[in-house]
Amino acid sequence: MLLKLEDVVLNYGKIEALHGISLEVAEGEVVALIGANGAGKTSTMRAISGVRGLSSGRITFNGEDVSKLRADQRMRKGLCLTPEGRGVFPGMTVTENLDMGAYTRKDKANIAEDFDRVFGLFPRLKERRKQVGGTMSGGEQQMLAIGRSLMSRPKLLLLDEPSMGLAPMLIQQIFSIISEIAEQGTTILVVEQNAKQALSRADRAYVLETGRIVKTGTGAALLDDPSVREAYLGVA
């Protein structure tokens, strides 16, 4: 198992955001984590990536306990987070932003190859490689944020709300590219409010409610689950 969370508890001061959650991601999978606002989706991503320390529980990545490692140490091991809100460097060009994604790497010869891969996935970024990130549209910034993560050659790509604030046509495009990234061999864990897109692309999925996993199954099974359809897809 590439990633395993066991009874993970995460607190913000006296508030317990995650109440002992357990989940798994196997190599080669696309796994979705869906839930309403405040369910604990971003807290889960922060716990996995090391942005927030655990109160208790254990996180294993690639067979190693990483629970106490800093975020930068986890990234060097292949855990890379594309954060909610994108977080591009606004004063840097597209090329400079992508370069930042590769800053931990020593295999300089392969970095050019990864630029080609990112520009193949996101032709818009190639067209705008000299444009500064802060002047790009929301959709372009999301492409740049994902591209920057890919430049680190992650074993596991964590995507936190990749469709947030995007127009429906762009959401479709972003999820098509996420599927393409998975087909190229990158394992993906995606946290998403757009349950229909996430479940239709996922091999497996978890439903999170108020800091607890309440359902799990294949993406297709959860898409057909009446309670999931009613709560997250707006259909009975």
Foldseek 3Di string as FASTA:
>chain_A
DAKWWFQWWFDDVPRIQAGGEIDDFDFLFEEEEEEDPSLCLLVVVCQQLQVGATPDTFMDGPNHTCRPPHNVVVVLVFEFECHPVRPFDQAAFLQVSLVVLQVVPDPVVCLVVLVVVLCVLPVVCVVRRRPGLNVDDLLVSLSSSQSSPCSSVGLEYEYEASCPPHDPVSVVSVLVSVLVVSVVGHYYYYYHLQLVSSLVSGQKYFYGGSNYTDDIDGSVVLCVDVVSCVPRVVDD
